[in-house]
Amino acid sequence: MGRYPVLDTIKRVFKRQRIRISFDIDDTLACQLHHSATEHSRLPACVHRWLGEPLRSGTRALTRELRRQGCSVWVYTSSGRTPSYIRRWLLLYGIHVDGVVNSVRHNQALTERGLSSTPSKFPPAFDIDLHVDDSEGVQLEGFDHGFRVVVVDPEDEQWARRVLDAVAQVQAQLARQQPQRHKVPVRAYPGLTLNG
């Protein structure tokens, strides 16, 4: 620790690699049973029916891998679910998220920026580098408004691999743009089981 602890803290914050990734809920993390397999849980099914929705298989391993790579994991939904509900639901599966954006927070952020023609989601308002969604419409909004979106189909069993590939692309792009803050990505995912 140097003579100026606050300055040291600020330097540490700016040096760390923190790619921020957000996930939609409906048909992305929470899928209908006929669309995809669900994560196993140690809690009884009645608890999940009462406290949450089925979580898509591979989500737990994916979030672990993203954290291992130094990513910050967020949820960005246009639904009215409360942040506390979303956090509790994911904690039932052992998943911690760093931030939650719901429709209320989204609308507040856009109003503060004076945006009138608004997209359904606007990740740059929350410093999100990559958004994961099932909607191609959100991807089109990304093209129009300048944010990155990877689209994953609810029935795609390789969805987690698609997300990791998109994250690697974002990491490489940011490493070229900001070499002092971001390292070149590592493409190997040792010991990662994505669907199970």
Protein backbone atom coordinates (compact mmCIF):
# COMPACT_ATOMS: atom_id res chain seq x y z
CA MET A 1 0.00 0.00 0.00
CA GLY A 2 1.37 3.43 -0.96
CA ARG A 3 1.10 6.78 0.72
CA TYR A 4 -2.24 7.51 -0.93
CA PRO A 5 -4.65 4.60 -0.33
CA VAL A 6 -7.53 6.19 -2.26
CA LEU A 7 -5.31 6.70 -5.29
CA ASP A 8 -4.09 3.10 -5.01
CA THR A 9 -7.70 1.89 -4.97
CA ILE A 10 -8.57 3.94 -8.05
CA LYS A 11 -5.54 2.59 -9.90
CA ARG A 12 -6.53 -0.98 -9.00
CA VAL A 13 -10.07 -0.44 -10.29
CA PHE A 14 -8.83 0.88 -13.62
CA LYS A 15 -6.28 -1.92 -14.06
CA ARG A 16 -8.61 -4.85 -13.51
CA GLN A 17 -10.26 -6.65 -16.38
CA ARG A 18 -14.01 -6.47 -15.95
CA ILE A 19 -15.97 -7.20 -19.08
CA ARG A 20 -19.61 -6.64 -18.13
CA ILE A 21 -22.07 -9.15 -19.60
CA SER A 22 -25.84 -9.07 -19.21
CA PHE A 23 -28.41 -11.78 -19.79
CA ASP A 24 -32.07 -11.50 -20.66
CA ILE A 25 -34.36 -13.75 -18.62
CA ASP A 26 -37.33 -14.91 -20.71
CA ASP A 27 -36.31 -17.60 -23.22
CA THR A 28 -32.64 -16.94 -22.47
CA LEU A 29 -31.99 -17.91 -18.83
CA ALA A 30 -35.52 -19.02 -17.94
CA CYS A 31 -36.69 -21.38 -20.65
CA GLN A 32 -39.86 -23.37 -20.99
CA LEU A 33 -39.39 -27.06 -20.23
CA HIS A 34 -40.16 -28.06 -23.83
CA HIS A 35 -37.42 -25.70 -25.12
CA SER A 36 -34.42 -26.86 -23.14
CA ALA A 37 -33.19 -28.91 -20.23
CA THR A 38 -33.06 -27.21 -16.85
CA GLU A 39 -30.39 -26.92 -14.17
CA HIS A 40 -30.57 -29.46 -11.38
CA SER A 41 -31.13 -28.15 -7.89
CA ARG A 42 -30.80 -29.60 -4.41
CA LEU A 43 -33.97 -27.84 -3.32
CA PRO A 44 -37.40 -29.47 -3.70
CA ALA A 45 -39.38 -28.66 -6.84
CA CYS A 46 -42.13 -27.01 -4.79
CA VAL A 47 -39.61 -24.42 -3.54
CA HIS A 48 -38.67 -23.56 -7.11
CA ARG A 49 -42.29 -23.32 -8.21
CA TRP A 50 -42.91 -20.90 -5.38
CA LEU A 51 -39.69 -18.87 -5.60
CA GLY A 52 -38.61 -19.02 -9.19
CA GLU A 53 -38.65 -20.30 -12.71
CA PRO A 54 -36.70 -23.18 -14.25
CA LEU A 55 -33.15 -22.14 -15.08
CA ARG A 56 -31.68 -23.16 -18.41
CA SER A 57 -29.16 -25.99 -18.31
CA GLY A 58 -25.57 -24.80 -18.57
CA THR A 59 -26.18 -21.45 -16.89
CA ARG A 60 -24.31 -22.32 -13.71
CA ALA A 61 -21.21 -23.59 -15.54
CA LEU A 62 -21.31 -20.61 -17.90
CA THR A 63 -21.45 -18.03 -15.11
CA ARG A 64 -18.61 -19.83 -13.29
CA GLU A 65 -16.49 -19.71 -16.44
CA LEU A 66 -17.30 -16.04 -17.03
CA ARG A 67 -16.27 -15.24 -13.45
CA ARG A 68 -13.06 -17.25 -13.91
CA GLN A 69 -12.32 -15.03 -16.91
CA GLY A 70 -12.86 -11.93 -14.77
CA CYS A 71 -16.24 -10.96 -16.18
CA SER A 72 -18.97 -9.14 -14.32
CA VAL A 73 -22.34 -10.91 -14.72
CA TRP A 74 -25.59 -8.92 -14.88
CA VAL A 75 -29.24 -9.54 -15.71
CA TYR A 76 -31.04 -7.11 -18.03
CA THR A 77 -34.74 -7.77 -18.50
CA SER A 78 -37.58 -5.68 -19.86
CA SER A 79 -39.94 -7.41 -17.43
CA GLY A 80 -41.23 -5.93 -14.21
CA ARG A 81 -39.56 -8.57 -12.01
CA THR A 82 -37.92 -6.89 -9.04
CA PRO A 83 -34.14 -7.03 -8.61
CA SER A 84 -34.61 -8.83 -5.27
CA TYR A 85 -36.75 -11.53 -6.93
CA ILE A 86 -34.16 -12.02 -9.69
CA ARG A 87 -31.25 -12.22 -7.25
CA ARG A 88 -33.13 -14.68 -4.99
CA TRP A 89 -34.12 -16.84 -7.97
CA LEU A 90 -30.53 -17.11 -9.20
CA LEU A 91 -29.15 -17.67 -5.69
CA LEU A 92 -31.36 -20.77 -5.48
CA TYR A 93 -29.00 -22.16 -8.12
CA GLY A 94 -25.85 -20.77 -6.51
CA ILE A 95 -25.48 -17.90 -8.98
CA HIS A 96 -24.60 -14.40 -7.81
CA VAL A 97 -25.10 -11.47 -10.19
CA ASP A 98 -23.33 -8.13 -9.90
CA GLY A 99 -26.24 -6.07 -11.15
CA VAL A 100 -29.86 -6.22 -12.25
CA VAL A 101 -31.62 -3.94 -14.72
CA ASN A 102 -35.39 -4.31 -14.93
CA SER A 103 -37.97 -2.21 -16.79
CA VAL A 104 -38.10 0.38 -14.00
CA ARG A 105 -34.33 0.93 -13.88
CA HIS A 106 -34.15 0.89 -17.70
CA ASN A 107 -36.79 3.62 -18.02
CA GLN A 108 -35.12 5.75 -15.32
CA ALA A 109 -31.73 5.56 -17.05
CA LEU A 110 -33.16 6.51 -20.43
CA THR A 111 -35.16 9.39 -18.95
CA GLU A 112 -32.02 10.71 -17.23
CA ARG A 113 -30.25 10.68 -20.60
CA GLY A 114 -33.14 12.43 -22.34
CA LEU A 115 -33.63 9.65 -24.87
CA SER A 116 -37.06 9.77 -26.48
CA SER A 117 -36.79 7.15 -29.24
CA THR A 118 -35.68 4.33 -26.99
CA PRO A 119 -34.80 0.71 -27.68
CA SER A 120 -36.30 -2.04 -25.53
CA LYS A 121 -32.84 -2.46 -23.97
CA PHE A 122 -29.89 -0.08 -23.88
CA PRO A 123 -26.84 -1.78 -22.28
CA PRO A 124 -24.47 1.20 -22.76
CA ALA A 125 -26.45 3.10 -20.11
CA PHE A 126 -25.11 0.56 -17.60
CA ASP A 127 -21.59 0.11 -19.06
CA ILE A 128 -22.51 -3.36 -20.31
CA ASP A 129 -20.10 -4.63 -22.97
CA LEU A 130 -22.17 -7.56 -24.26
CA HIS A 131 -25.85 -8.46 -23.92
CA VAL A 132 -27.14 -12.03 -24.36
CA ASP A 133 -30.73 -12.31 -25.60
CA ASP A 134 -33.03 -14.63 -27.54
CA SER A 135 -34.53 -11.79 -29.59
CA GLU A 136 -33.19 -10.87 -33.00
CA GLY A 137 -35.10 -7.59 -32.56
CA VAL A 138 -32.78 -6.68 -29.69
CA GLN A 139 -29.82 -7.49 -31.93
CA LEU A 140 -31.20 -5.10 -34.57
CA GLU A 141 -31.56 -2.44 -31.88
CA GLY A 142 -27.93 -3.12 -31.01
CA PHE A 143 -26.88 -2.39 -34.59
CA ASP A 144 -28.98 0.80 -34.62
CA HIS A 145 -27.86 2.08 -31.20
CA GLY A 146 -24.27 0.82 -31.09
CA PHE A 147 -24.23 -2.02 -28.57
CA ARG A 148 -23.15 -5.65 -28.83
CA VAL A 149 -25.71 -8.47 -28.69
CA VAL A 150 -25.29 -12.21 -29.07
CA VAL A 151 -28.52 -14.02 -29.90
CA VAL A 152 -29.06 -17.50 -28.45
CA ASP A 153 -32.02 -19.63 -29.44
CA PRO A 154 -33.98 -21.24 -26.56
CA GLU A 155 -33.53 -24.67 -28.18
CA ASP A 156 -29.79 -24.31 -28.89
CA GLU A 157 -27.88 -26.84 -26.78
CA GLN A 158 -24.58 -25.09 -27.61
CA TRP A 159 -25.80 -21.69 -26.40
CA ALA A 160 -23.14 -21.38 -23.68
CA ARG A 161 -20.35 -22.01 -26.21
CA ARG A 162 -21.87 -19.29 -28.42
CA VAL A 163 -21.79 -16.87 -25.46
CA LEU A 164 -18.17 -17.75 -24.59
CA ASP A 165 -17.13 -17.23 -28.22
CA ALA A 166 -18.84 -13.82 -28.26
CA VAL A 167 -17.13 -12.91 -24.96
CA ALA A 168 -13.76 -13.86 -26.45
CA GLN A 169 -14.46 -11.57 -29.42
CA VAL A 170 -15.37 -8.67 -27.12
CA GLN A 171 -12.27 -9.29 -24.98
CA ALA A 172 -10.07 -9.28 -28.09
CA GLN A 173 -11.70 -6.11 -29.38
CA LEU A 174 -11.29 -4.33 -26.04
CA ALA A 175 -7.70 -5.58 -25.75
CA ARG A 176 -6.91 -3.88 -29.06
CA GLN A 177 -8.72 -0.68 -28.04
CA GLN A 178 -7.48 -0.51 -24.44
CA PRO A 179 -4.32 -2.61 -24.18
CA GLN A 180 -3.40 -1.26 -20.74
CA ARG A 181 -6.74 -2.42 -19.23
CA HIS A 182 -7.57 -5.67 -21.04
CA LYS A 183 -5.46 -8.74 -21.66
CA VAL A 184 -5.70 -10.84 -24.79
CA PRO A 185 -8.38 -13.49 -24.14
CA VAL A 186 -7.67 -17.12 -23.42
CA ARG A 187 -9.84 -19.34 -25.64
CA ALA A 188 -9.33 -22.60 -23.75
CA TYR A 189 -12.02 -23.55 -21.25
CA PRO A 190 -10.33 -26.30 -19.20
CA GLY A 191 -12.66 -28.69 -17.43
CA LEU A 192 -15.78 -26.78 -18.45
CA THR A 193 -18.93 -28.84 -18.84
CA LEU A 194 -21.55 -26.62 -20.44
CA ASN A 195 -24.64 -28.82 -20.45
CA GLY A 196 -24.81 -30.48 -17.12
